[in-house]
Amino acid sequence: MGLGKQAKTLSKNQIDTALAYISNGRYPIRDKVIFLLSVKAGLRAMEIANIKWEMILTPNGEIGHSIHLTNVASKGRSGGRIIPLNKELRSAITDLRVSGPLGRPSPFLITTERSISTTAQVIVNLFTRLYINLGFTGCSSHSGRRTFITNAARKISTVGGSLRDIQMLAGHSNLTTTQRYIEGDGEAQQKIVQLV
């Protein structure tokens, strides 16, 4: 993946702008969950489309504190991965559960009016329309995932973690893949050079 072809990461301001825009849309609750699954959990479009309630709910039927993403929903073949739920994402998922599905009851988290599930292409199209409408050039359905991985990588040392933890959250089998997702920070590079 060349640098010129990677989806751009989102700034905090762009994330806030997108959430404000989504809140005024046709399906604000569902679309907020879709957006946050990308930005706050780093999920791929395919994973967002395939995530089921059973991957989030506890045995008591309550919203859990992590996503247990299985191979059925993910790109991998390694037994899936566990992604702790960000507070904002957990709250949005709770709101989605309270509001109910758009159509018939479904085992899938994300539904449409006409179907009990959706496809990765529908998720990709939703992000494409969102970013075009907001004028976010160079952004795609992978922008939220890259943003999540980049932000997590910048903060992981503050909680005693390592790049290996980011790799596990991202579901990459190779650490090199994770490294390619991380956006460089010119300001941080300037500061570190002055400290050397």
N, C-alpha and C. Protein backbone atom coordinates (compact mmCIF):
# COMPACT_ATOMS: atom_id res chain seq x y z
N MET A 1 0.86 -1.17 0.00
CA MET A 1 0.00 0.00 0.00
C MET A 1 0.90 1.23 0.00
N GLY A 2 0.89 1.99 -1.09
CA GLY A 2 1.71 3.20 -1.17
C GLY A 2 1.12 4.32 -0.35
N LEU A 3 1.97 5.24 0.07
CA LEU A 3 1.50 6.34 0.91
C LEU A 3 0.44 7.17 0.20
N GLY A 4 0.59 7.37 -1.11
CA GLY A 4 -0.37 8.19 -1.84
C GLY A 4 -1.75 7.57 -1.95
N LYS A 5 -1.85 6.26 -1.78
CA LYS A 5 -3.13 5.57 -1.95
C LYS A 5 -3.85 5.31 -0.63
N GLN A 6 -3.23 5.60 0.48
CA GLN A 6 -3.87 5.35 1.76
C GLN A 6 -4.98 6.36 2.02
N ALA A 7 -6.03 5.89 2.68
CA ALA A 7 -7.09 6.80 3.09
C ALA A 7 -6.52 7.78 4.11
N LYS A 8 -6.97 9.01 4.04
CA LYS A 8 -6.50 10.01 5.00
C LYS A 8 -7.10 9.74 6.37
N THR A 9 -6.34 10.13 7.40
CA THR A 9 -6.87 10.03 8.76
C THR A 9 -7.72 11.27 9.04
N LEU A 10 -8.56 11.16 10.05
CA LEU A 10 -9.46 12.25 10.42
C LEU A 10 -8.94 12.99 11.64
N SER A 11 -9.04 14.30 11.61
CA SER A 11 -8.68 15.11 12.78
C SER A 11 -9.83 15.08 13.78
N LYS A 12 -9.56 15.52 15.00
CA LYS A 12 -10.62 15.60 16.02
C LYS A 12 -11.75 16.48 15.52
N ASN A 13 -11.41 17.60 14.89
CA ASN A 13 -12.43 18.51 14.36
C ASN A 13 -13.27 17.83 13.27
N GLN A 14 -12.63 17.05 12.41
CA GLN A 14 -13.37 16.35 11.37
C GLN A 14 -14.30 15.29 11.96
N ILE A 15 -13.83 14.61 13.00
CA ILE A 15 -14.68 13.62 13.67
C ILE A 15 -15.91 14.30 14.27
N ASP A 16 -15.69 15.42 14.96
CA ASP A 16 -16.81 16.17 15.55
C ASP A 16 -17.77 16.68 14.48
N THR A 17 -17.23 17.16 13.36
CA THR A 17 -18.05 17.65 12.25
C THR A 17 -18.89 16.52 11.68
N ALA A 18 -18.28 15.35 11.49
CA ALA A 18 -18.99 14.19 10.95
C ALA A 18 -20.11 13.76 11.89
N LEU A 19 -19.83 13.71 13.19
CA LEU A 19 -20.86 13.32 14.15
C LEU A 19 -22.02 14.30 14.17
N ALA A 20 -21.73 15.59 14.06
CA ALA A 20 -22.79 16.61 14.01
C ALA A 20 -23.63 16.43 12.75
N TYR A 21 -22.99 16.17 11.64
CA TYR A 21 -23.69 15.95 10.37
C TYR A 21 -24.58 14.71 10.46
N ILE A 22 -24.03 13.63 10.99
CA ILE A 22 -24.77 12.38 11.13
C ILE A 22 -26.00 12.57 12.02
N SER A 23 -25.88 13.39 13.06
CA SER A 23 -26.99 13.58 14.01
C SER A 23 -28.21 14.22 13.34
N ASN A 24 -28.03 14.83 12.18
CA ASN A 24 -29.14 15.45 11.46
C ASN A 24 -29.58 14.63 10.25
N GLY A 25 -29.07 13.41 10.13
CA GLY A 25 -29.39 12.57 8.98
C GLY A 25 -30.66 11.77 9.17
N ARG A 26 -30.95 10.92 8.19
CA ARG A 26 -32.17 10.11 8.19
C ARG A 26 -32.14 9.02 9.27
N TYR A 27 -30.96 8.43 9.49
CA TYR A 27 -30.80 7.36 10.48
C TYR A 27 -29.67 7.72 11.44
N PRO A 28 -29.86 8.74 12.25
CA PRO A 28 -28.75 9.24 13.07
C PRO A 28 -28.20 8.24 14.08
N ILE A 29 -29.04 7.44 14.68
CA ILE A 29 -28.58 6.51 15.71
C ILE A 29 -27.74 5.40 15.08
N ARG A 30 -28.28 4.78 14.04
CA ARG A 30 -27.55 3.71 13.35
C ARG A 30 -26.24 4.22 12.74
N ASP A 31 -26.33 5.36 12.04
CA ASP A 31 -25.16 5.88 11.34
C ASP A 31 -24.06 6.34 12.31
N LYS A 32 -24.46 6.80 13.49
CA LYS A 32 -23.46 7.17 14.50
C LYS A 32 -22.71 5.92 14.95
N VAL A 33 -23.42 4.82 15.15
CA VAL A 33 -22.77 3.56 15.54
C VAL A 33 -21.81 3.10 14.44
N ILE A 34 -22.25 3.17 13.19
CA ILE A 34 -21.38 2.78 12.07
C ILE A 34 -20.11 3.61 12.08
N PHE A 35 -20.25 4.93 12.21
CA PHE A 35 -19.10 5.83 12.20
C PHE A 35 -18.16 5.53 13.37
N LEU A 36 -18.73 5.36 14.57
CA LEU A 36 -17.91 5.11 15.75
C LEU A 36 -17.26 3.73 15.74
N LEU A 37 -17.90 2.74 15.12
CA LEU A 37 -17.26 1.43 14.99
C LEU A 37 -15.98 1.53 14.17
N SER A 38 -15.96 2.47 13.25
CA SER A 38 -14.77 2.71 12.43
C SER A 38 -13.72 3.51 13.20
N VAL A 39 -14.13 4.65 13.76
CA VAL A 39 -13.20 5.60 14.39
C VAL A 39 -12.77 5.20 15.80
N LYS A 40 -13.65 4.55 16.55
CA LYS A 40 -13.35 4.22 17.95
C LYS A 40 -13.06 2.74 18.21
N ALA A 41 -13.29 1.88 17.19
CA ALA A 41 -12.96 0.46 17.35
C ALA A 41 -12.08 -0.04 16.21
N GLY A 42 -11.91 0.78 15.18
CA GLY A 42 -11.02 0.42 14.08
C GLY A 42 -11.53 -0.69 13.18
N LEU A 43 -12.86 -0.86 13.11
CA LEU A 43 -13.40 -1.95 12.30
C LEU A 43 -13.39 -1.61 10.82
N ARG A 44 -13.20 -2.63 10.01
CA ARG A 44 -13.30 -2.53 8.55
C ARG A 44 -14.79 -2.50 8.17
N ALA A 45 -15.09 -2.05 6.95
CA ALA A 45 -16.47 -2.00 6.46
C ALA A 45 -17.11 -3.38 6.54
N MET A 46 -16.38 -4.41 6.16
CA MET A 46 -16.90 -5.78 6.19
C MET A 46 -17.25 -6.19 7.63
N GLU A 47 -16.43 -5.80 8.57
CA GLU A 47 -16.66 -6.15 9.97
C GLU A 47 -17.87 -5.40 10.52
N ILE A 48 -18.03 -4.14 10.13
CA ILE A 48 -19.19 -3.36 10.57
C ILE A 48 -20.47 -4.01 10.04
N ALA A 49 -20.44 -4.44 8.79
CA ALA A 49 -21.62 -5.07 8.19
C ALA A 49 -21.95 -6.41 8.83
N ASN A 50 -20.94 -7.13 9.30
CA ASN A 50 -21.14 -8.50 9.78
C ASN A 50 -21.22 -8.65 11.29
N ILE A 51 -21.03 -7.57 12.04
CA ILE A 51 -21.05 -7.69 13.50
C ILE A 51 -22.46 -8.03 13.98
N LYS A 52 -22.52 -8.97 14.92
CA LYS A 52 -23.81 -9.42 15.47
C LYS A 52 -23.91 -9.01 16.94
N TRP A 53 -25.15 -8.93 17.40
CA TRP A 53 -25.40 -8.58 18.81
C TRP A 53 -24.69 -9.54 19.75
N GLU A 54 -24.65 -10.82 19.39
CA GLU A 54 -24.02 -11.82 20.27
C GLU A 54 -22.53 -11.53 20.49
N MET A 55 -21.93 -10.73 19.62
CA MET A 55 -20.52 -10.38 19.76
C MET A 55 -20.31 -9.22 20.73
N ILE A 56 -21.41 -8.60 21.15
CA ILE A 56 -21.35 -7.44 22.04
C ILE A 56 -22.06 -7.69 23.37
N LEU A 57 -23.12 -8.48 23.34
CA LEU A 57 -23.93 -8.70 24.54
C LEU A 57 -23.27 -9.69 25.50
N THR A 58 -23.50 -9.46 26.79
CA THR A 58 -23.05 -10.40 27.82
C THR A 58 -24.04 -11.56 27.85
N PRO A 59 -23.71 -12.64 28.58
CA PRO A 59 -24.67 -13.75 28.71
C PRO A 59 -26.01 -13.31 29.32
N ASN A 60 -25.99 -12.20 30.07
CA ASN A 60 -27.23 -11.67 30.67
C ASN A 60 -28.02 -10.81 29.70
N GLY A 61 -27.51 -10.62 28.48
CA GLY A 61 -28.21 -9.81 27.50
C GLY A 61 -27.94 -8.31 27.61
N GLU A 62 -26.93 -7.94 28.38
CA GLU A 62 -26.57 -6.52 28.52
C GLU A 62 -25.44 -6.18 27.56
N ILE A 63 -25.31 -4.89 27.24
CA ILE A 63 -24.20 -4.45 26.40
C ILE A 63 -22.91 -4.68 27.19
N GLY A 64 -21.99 -5.43 26.61
CA GLY A 64 -20.73 -5.73 27.28
C GLY A 64 -19.75 -4.57 27.20
N HIS A 65 -18.53 -4.85 27.59
CA HIS A 65 -17.49 -3.82 27.56
C HIS A 65 -16.45 -4.10 26.48
N SER A 66 -16.75 -5.07 25.62
CA SER A 66 -15.85 -5.36 24.50
C SER A 66 -16.62 -6.01 23.36
N ILE A 67 -16.02 -5.95 22.18
CA ILE A 67 -16.54 -6.62 21.00
C ILE A 67 -15.74 -7.90 20.84
N HIS A 68 -16.42 -9.03 20.77
CA HIS A 68 -15.76 -10.31 20.53
C HIS A 68 -15.95 -10.64 19.05
N LEU A 69 -15.08 -10.08 18.24
CA LEU A 69 -15.19 -10.19 16.79
C LEU A 69 -14.70 -11.57 16.35
N THR A 70 -15.60 -12.36 15.80
CA THR A 70 -15.23 -13.71 15.36
C THR A 70 -14.74 -13.68 13.91
N ASN A 71 -14.14 -14.78 13.48
CA ASN A 71 -13.67 -14.88 12.10
C ASN A 71 -14.80 -14.71 11.09
N VAL A 72 -16.01 -15.10 11.47
CA VAL A 72 -17.16 -14.96 10.57
C VAL A 72 -17.36 -13.49 10.19
N ALA A 73 -17.10 -12.60 11.12
CA ALA A 73 -17.31 -11.17 10.88
C ALA A 73 -16.05 -10.46 10.40
N SER A 74 -14.90 -11.08 10.56
CA SER A 74 -13.65 -10.36 10.27
C SER A 74 -12.94 -10.93 9.05
N LYS A 75 -11.85 -10.29 8.72
CA LYS A 75 -11.04 -10.70 7.58
C LYS A 75 -10.13 -11.88 7.93
N GLY A 76 -9.87 -12.05 9.21
CA GLY A 76 -8.87 -13.01 9.65
C GLY A 76 -9.34 -14.45 9.74
N ARG A 77 -8.38 -15.31 10.04
CA ARG A 77 -8.63 -16.73 10.24
C ARG A 77 -7.95 -17.20 11.52
N SER A 78 -7.69 -16.26 12.40
CA SER A 78 -6.91 -16.59 13.60
C SER A 78 -7.76 -16.73 14.86
N GLY A 79 -9.06 -16.86 14.71
CA GLY A 79 -9.91 -17.00 15.88
C GLY A 79 -10.56 -15.71 16.32
N GLY A 80 -10.41 -14.66 15.52
CA GLY A 80 -11.03 -13.38 15.83
C GLY A 80 -10.20 -12.54 16.78
N ARG A 81 -10.83 -11.50 17.30
CA ARG A 81 -10.12 -10.62 18.24
C ARG A 81 -11.12 -9.97 19.18
N ILE A 82 -10.60 -9.47 20.29
CA ILE A 82 -11.42 -8.79 21.28
C ILE A 82 -11.01 -7.32 21.28
N ILE A 83 -12.00 -6.44 21.13
CA ILE A 83 -11.74 -5.01 21.10
C ILE A 83 -12.54 -4.36 22.24
N PRO A 84 -11.87 -3.80 23.23
CA PRO A 84 -12.60 -3.10 24.30
C PRO A 84 -13.46 -1.98 23.71
N LEU A 85 -14.65 -1.80 24.27
CA LEU A 85 -15.57 -0.77 23.77
C LEU A 85 -15.23 0.60 24.37
N ASN A 86 -15.00 1.55 23.52
CA ASN A 86 -14.86 2.95 23.90
C ASN A 86 -16.19 3.40 24.53
N LYS A 87 -16.14 4.27 25.53
CA LYS A 87 -17.35 4.71 26.24
C LYS A 87 -18.38 5.33 25.30
N GLU A 88 -17.92 6.19 24.41
CA GLU A 88 -18.83 6.85 23.48
C GLU A 88 -19.49 5.84 22.54
N LEU A 89 -18.73 4.87 22.08
CA LEU A 89 -19.27 3.82 21.21
C LEU A 89 -20.26 2.95 21.97
N ARG A 90 -19.92 2.59 23.19
CA ARG A 90 -20.83 1.76 24.00
C ARG A 90 -22.16 2.46 24.23
N SER A 91 -22.10 3.76 24.50
CA SER A 91 -23.32 4.55 24.69
C SER A 91 -24.16 4.58 23.40
N ALA A 92 -23.50 4.73 22.26
CA ALA A 92 -24.21 4.77 20.98
C ALA A 92 -24.85 3.41 20.68
N ILE A 93 -24.15 2.33 21.01
CA ILE A 93 -24.71 0.99 20.80
C ILE A 93 -25.92 0.78 21.71
N THR A 94 -25.84 1.28 22.94
CA THR A 94 -26.98 1.21 23.86
C THR A 94 -28.18 1.95 23.27
N ASP A 95 -27.94 3.14 22.73
CA ASP A 95 -29.02 3.91 22.09
C ASP A 95 -29.62 3.13 20.92
N LEU A 96 -28.77 2.48 20.13
CA LEU A 96 -29.24 1.70 18.99
C LEU A 96 -30.12 0.54 19.46
N ARG A 97 -29.70 -0.10 20.52
CA ARG A 97 -30.48 -1.24 21.04
C ARG A 97 -31.84 -0.77 21.54
N VAL A 98 -31.86 0.36 22.21
CA VAL A 98 -33.12 0.91 22.73
C VAL A 98 -34.06 1.30 21.59
N SER A 99 -33.49 1.87 20.52
CA SER A 99 -34.31 2.34 19.39
C SER A 99 -34.85 1.19 18.55
N GLY A 100 -34.20 0.03 18.61
CA GLY A 100 -34.66 -1.13 17.85
C GLY A 100 -34.17 -1.10 16.42
N PRO A 101 -34.31 -2.23 15.71
CA PRO A 101 -33.84 -2.31 14.32
C PRO A 101 -34.70 -1.45 13.39
N LEU A 102 -34.12 -1.09 12.24
CA LEU A 102 -34.87 -0.29 11.27
C LEU A 102 -36.01 -1.08 10.66
N GLY A 103 -35.82 -2.36 10.46
CA GLY A 103 -36.85 -3.22 9.88
C GLY A 103 -37.25 -4.29 10.86
N ARG A 104 -37.20 -5.53 10.41
CA ARG A 104 -37.52 -6.68 11.25
C ARG A 104 -36.42 -6.93 12.28
N PRO A 105 -36.73 -7.61 13.39
CA PRO A 105 -35.69 -7.96 14.36
C PRO A 105 -34.56 -8.74 13.67
N SER A 106 -33.34 -8.53 14.14
CA SER A 106 -32.19 -9.10 13.46
C SER A 106 -31.09 -9.48 14.43
N PRO A 107 -30.32 -10.52 14.11
CA PRO A 107 -29.15 -10.83 14.92
C PRO A 107 -27.99 -9.86 14.64
N PHE A 108 -28.11 -9.09 13.54
CA PHE A 108 -27.05 -8.16 13.16
C PHE A 108 -27.23 -6.81 13.82
N LEU A 109 -26.13 -6.20 14.19
CA LEU A 109 -26.14 -4.88 14.81
C LEU A 109 -26.65 -3.83 13.82
N ILE A 110 -26.15 -3.88 12.60
CA ILE A 110 -26.49 -2.88 11.59
C ILE A 110 -27.50 -3.48 10.61
N THR A 111 -28.66 -2.82 10.52
CA THR A 111 -29.72 -3.27 9.63
C THR A 111 -30.13 -2.12 8.71
N THR A 112 -30.98 -2.45 7.75
CA THR A 112 -31.58 -1.42 6.89
C THR A 112 -33.09 -1.57 6.98
N GLU A 113 -33.81 -0.66 6.36
CA GLU A 113 -35.28 -0.76 6.38
C GLU A 113 -35.75 -2.02 5.66
N ARG A 114 -35.01 -2.44 4.63
CA ARG A 114 -35.44 -3.55 3.80
C ARG A 114 -34.80 -4.88 4.12
N SER A 115 -33.78 -4.87 4.98
CA SER A 115 -33.06 -6.12 5.22
C SER A 115 -32.62 -6.23 6.69
N ILE A 116 -32.50 -7.47 7.14
CA ILE A 116 -32.07 -7.70 8.53
C ILE A 116 -30.55 -7.59 8.67
N SER A 117 -29.87 -7.36 7.55
CA SER A 117 -28.42 -7.17 7.58
C SER A 117 -28.05 -6.17 6.49
N THR A 118 -26.77 -5.91 6.37
CA THR A 118 -26.29 -5.02 5.32
C THR A 118 -25.02 -5.64 4.73
N THR A 119 -24.43 -4.97 3.77
CA THR A 119 -23.21 -5.48 3.14
C THR A 119 -22.07 -4.51 3.35
N ALA A 120 -20.86 -5.00 3.14
CA ALA A 120 -19.69 -4.13 3.24
C ALA A 120 -19.79 -2.99 2.23
N GLN A 121 -20.31 -3.27 1.03
CA GLN A 121 -20.41 -2.23 0.01
C GLN A 121 -21.36 -1.12 0.44
N VAL A 122 -22.44 -1.46 1.12
CA VAL A 122 -23.36 -0.44 1.63
C VAL A 122 -22.64 0.45 2.65
N ILE A 123 -21.83 -0.15 3.50
CA ILE A 123 -21.06 0.62 4.48
C ILE A 123 -20.05 1.52 3.77
N VAL A 124 -19.34 0.99 2.79
CA VAL A 124 -18.39 1.78 2.01
C VAL A 124 -19.10 2.97 1.36
N ASN A 125 -20.26 2.72 0.76
CA ASN A 125 -21.03 3.79 0.11
C ASN A 125 -21.48 4.85 1.10
N LEU A 126 -21.88 4.42 2.31
CA LEU A 126 -22.29 5.37 3.34
C LEU A 126 -21.14 6.31 3.69
N PHE A 127 -19.95 5.75 3.88
CA PHE A 127 -18.78 6.59 4.19
C PHE A 127 -18.42 7.49 3.01
N THR A 128 -18.50 6.97 1.81
CA THR A 128 -18.18 7.78 0.62
C THR A 128 -19.10 9.00 0.55
N ARG A 129 -20.41 8.78 0.70
CA ARG A 129 -21.37 9.89 0.67
C ARG A 129 -21.11 10.88 1.80
N LEU A 130 -20.85 10.36 3.00
CA LEU A 130 -20.59 11.22 4.15
C LEU A 130 -19.41 12.14 3.88
N TYR A 131 -18.29 11.58 3.44
CA TYR A 131 -17.09 12.39 3.24
C TYR A 131 -17.21 13.33 2.05
N ILE A 132 -17.92 12.93 1.01
CA ILE A 132 -18.16 13.85 -0.12
C ILE A 132 -19.02 15.01 0.36
N ASN A 133 -20.09 14.72 1.08
CA ASN A 133 -20.99 15.78 1.58
C ASN A 133 -20.28 16.74 2.52
N LEU A 134 -19.28 16.25 3.24
CA LEU A 134 -18.54 17.10 4.18
C LEU A 134 -17.32 17.75 3.53
N GLY A 135 -17.01 17.37 2.30
CA GLY A 135 -15.85 17.93 1.60
C GLY A 135 -14.52 17.41 2.13
N PHE A 136 -14.51 16.21 2.70
CA PHE A 136 -13.28 15.60 3.23
C PHE A 136 -12.57 14.85 2.11
N THR A 137 -11.74 15.52 1.37
CA THR A 137 -11.02 14.94 0.24
C THR A 137 -10.02 13.88 0.70
N GLY A 138 -9.99 12.76 -0.02
CA GLY A 138 -9.04 11.70 0.28
C GLY A 138 -9.48 10.74 1.37
N CYS A 139 -10.67 10.95 1.91
CA CYS A 139 -11.18 10.07 2.97
C CYS A 139 -12.02 8.95 2.35
N SER A 140 -12.01 7.80 3.02
CA SER A 140 -12.79 6.66 2.55
C SER A 140 -13.28 5.87 3.77
N SER A 141 -13.89 4.73 3.49
CA SER A 141 -14.37 3.89 4.59
C SER A 141 -13.23 3.42 5.48
N HIS A 142 -12.00 3.49 5.00
CA HIS A 142 -10.84 3.07 5.79
C HIS A 142 -10.26 4.21 6.63
N SER A 143 -10.75 5.43 6.45
CA SER A 143 -10.21 6.58 7.19
C SER A 143 -10.41 6.45 8.69
N GLY A 144 -11.58 5.99 9.10
CA GLY A 144 -11.83 5.81 10.53
C GLY A 144 -10.90 4.76 11.12
N ARG A 145 -10.70 3.68 10.41
CA ARG A 145 -9.80 2.61 10.86
C ARG A 145 -8.37 3.13 10.99
N ARG A 146 -7.89 3.85 9.99
CA ARG A 146 -6.54 4.43 10.06
C ARG A 146 -6.44 5.44 11.20
N THR A 147 -7.51 6.20 11.41
CA THR A 147 -7.53 7.18 12.50
C THR A 147 -7.43 6.47 13.84
N PHE A 148 -8.21 5.42 14.02
CA PHE A 148 -8.17 4.64 15.26
C PHE A 148 -6.78 4.08 15.51
N ILE A 149 -6.20 3.45 14.51
CA ILE A 149 -4.88 2.82 14.66
C ILE A 149 -3.82 3.88 14.94
N THR A 150 -3.87 5.00 14.22
CA THR A 150 -2.89 6.08 14.44
C THR A 150 -3.02 6.66 15.84
N ASN A 151 -4.25 6.99 16.25
CA ASN A 151 -4.46 7.57 17.59
C ASN A 151 -4.05 6.60 18.69
N ALA A 152 -4.39 5.33 18.52
CA ALA A 152 -4.01 4.33 19.52
C ALA A 152 -2.49 4.19 19.60
N ALA A 153 -1.82 4.21 18.45
CA ALA A 153 -0.36 4.08 18.43
C ALA A 153 0.31 5.26 19.13
N ARG A 154 -0.25 6.45 18.96
CA ARG A 154 0.34 7.64 19.59
C ARG A 154 0.17 7.64 21.10
N LYS A 155 -0.85 6.94 21.59
CA LYS A 155 -1.16 6.99 23.02
C LYS A 155 -0.80 5.71 23.77
N ILE A 156 -0.44 4.65 23.06
CA ILE A 156 -0.27 3.34 23.70
C ILE A 156 0.82 3.34 24.77
N SER A 157 1.88 4.11 24.58
CA SER A 157 2.97 4.11 25.57
C SER A 157 2.53 4.76 26.88
N THR A 158 1.50 5.60 26.85
CA THR A 158 1.03 6.26 28.07
C THR A 158 0.30 5.30 29.00
N VAL A 159 -0.11 4.13 28.46
CA VAL A 159 -0.80 3.14 29.28
C VAL A 159 0.03 1.86 29.43
N GLY A 160 1.31 1.95 29.07
CA GLY A 160 2.21 0.82 29.24
C GLY A 160 2.11 -0.24 28.16
N GLY A 161 1.49 0.09 27.04
CA GLY A 161 1.35 -0.87 25.96
C GLY A 161 2.43 -0.72 24.90
N SER A 162 2.29 -1.51 23.85
CA SER A 162 3.27 -1.47 22.76
C SER A 162 2.55 -1.57 21.42
N LEU A 163 3.32 -1.45 20.36
CA LEU A 163 2.77 -1.57 19.02
C LEU A 163 2.12 -2.94 18.80
N ARG A 164 2.59 -3.94 19.51
CA ARG A 164 1.99 -5.28 19.42
C ARG A 164 0.53 -5.24 19.88
N ASP A 165 0.22 -4.44 20.89
CA ASP A 165 -1.17 -4.29 21.34
C ASP A 165 -2.03 -3.67 20.25
N ILE A 166 -1.49 -2.69 19.54
CA ILE A 166 -2.21 -2.06 18.43
C ILE A 166 -2.45 -3.09 17.33
N GLN A 167 -1.44 -3.89 17.04
CA GLN A 167 -1.56 -4.94 16.03
C GLN A 167 -2.71 -5.88 16.37
N MET A 168 -2.81 -6.26 17.63
CA MET A 168 -3.87 -7.17 18.06
C MET A 168 -5.25 -6.52 17.94
N LEU A 169 -5.36 -5.25 18.34
CA LEU A 169 -6.63 -4.53 18.20
C LEU A 169 -7.04 -4.41 16.74
N ALA A 170 -6.06 -4.19 15.87
CA ALA A 170 -6.34 -4.02 14.45
C ALA A 170 -6.63 -5.34 13.75
N GLY A 171 -6.20 -6.44 14.35
CA GLY A 171 -6.41 -7.74 13.73
C GLY A 171 -5.46 -8.02 12.59
N HIS A 172 -4.28 -7.42 12.65
CA HIS A 172 -3.26 -7.66 11.62
C HIS A 172 -2.41 -8.86 12.00
N SER A 173 -2.13 -9.73 11.05
CA SER A 173 -1.26 -10.87 11.34
C SER A 173 0.21 -10.46 11.30
N ASN A 174 0.49 -9.32 10.69
CA ASN A 174 1.87 -8.87 10.53
C ASN A 174 2.02 -7.45 11.09
N LEU A 175 3.01 -7.24 11.94
CA LEU A 175 3.25 -5.93 12.55
C LEU A 175 3.56 -4.87 11.50
N THR A 176 4.19 -5.26 10.41
CA THR A 176 4.51 -4.32 9.33
C THR A 176 3.24 -3.69 8.76
N THR A 177 2.18 -4.47 8.66
CA THR A 177 0.90 -3.94 8.17
C THR A 177 0.39 -2.86 9.10
N THR A 178 0.46 -3.10 10.39
CA THR A 178 0.02 -2.11 11.38
C THR A 178 0.83 -0.83 11.24
N GLN A 179 2.13 -0.97 11.09
CA GLN A 179 2.99 0.21 10.97
C GLN A 179 2.62 1.06 9.76
N ARG A 180 2.21 0.43 8.66
CA ARG A 180 1.83 1.19 7.46
C ARG A 180 0.56 2.00 7.68
N TYR A 181 -0.28 1.59 8.60
CA TYR A 181 -1.52 2.30 8.88
C TYR A 181 -1.29 3.59 9.67
N ILE A 182 -0.20 3.65 10.39
CA ILE A 182 0.03 4.76 11.32
C ILE A 182 0.51 5.99 10.57
N GLU A 183 -0.21 7.07 10.73
CA GLU A 183 0.12 8.36 10.12
C GLU A 183 1.26 9.01 10.88
N GLY A 184 2.25 9.51 10.16
CA GLY A 184 3.35 10.23 10.80
C GLY A 184 2.88 11.59 11.32
N ASP A 185 3.61 12.15 12.26
CA ASP A 185 3.27 13.44 12.85
C ASP A 185 4.47 14.37 12.72
N GLY A 186 4.40 15.28 11.76
CA GLY A 186 5.50 16.20 11.49
C GLY A 186 5.89 17.04 12.69
N GLU A 187 4.92 17.48 13.47
CA GLU A 187 5.20 18.29 14.66
C GLU A 187 5.98 17.48 15.70
N ALA A 188 5.56 16.23 15.91
CA ALA A 188 6.28 15.37 16.85
C ALA A 188 7.69 15.10 16.36
N GLN A 189 7.85 14.95 15.05
CA GLN A 189 9.18 14.72 14.49
C GLN A 189 10.08 15.93 14.72
N GLN A 190 9.53 17.12 14.57
CA GLN A 190 10.30 18.35 14.82
C GLN A 190 10.75 18.40 16.28
N LYS A 191 9.83 18.07 17.20
CA LYS A 191 10.14 18.13 18.63
C LYS A 191 11.20 17.11 19.02
N ILE A 192 11.10 15.88 18.50
CA ILE A 192 12.05 14.85 18.89
C ILE A 192 13.45 15.15 18.38
N VAL A 193 13.54 15.74 17.19
CA VAL A 193 14.85 16.09 16.63
C VAL A 193 15.54 17.13 17.53
N GLN A 194 14.77 18.03 18.10
CA GLN A 194 15.34 19.05 18.98
C GLN A 194 15.79 18.46 20.32
N LEU A 195 15.24 17.32 20.70
CA LEU A 195 15.61 16.68 21.96
C LEU A 195 16.85 15.79 21.83
N VAL A 196 17.21 15.45 20.60
CA VAL A 196 18.34 14.55 20.37
C VAL A 196 19.65 15.30 20.48
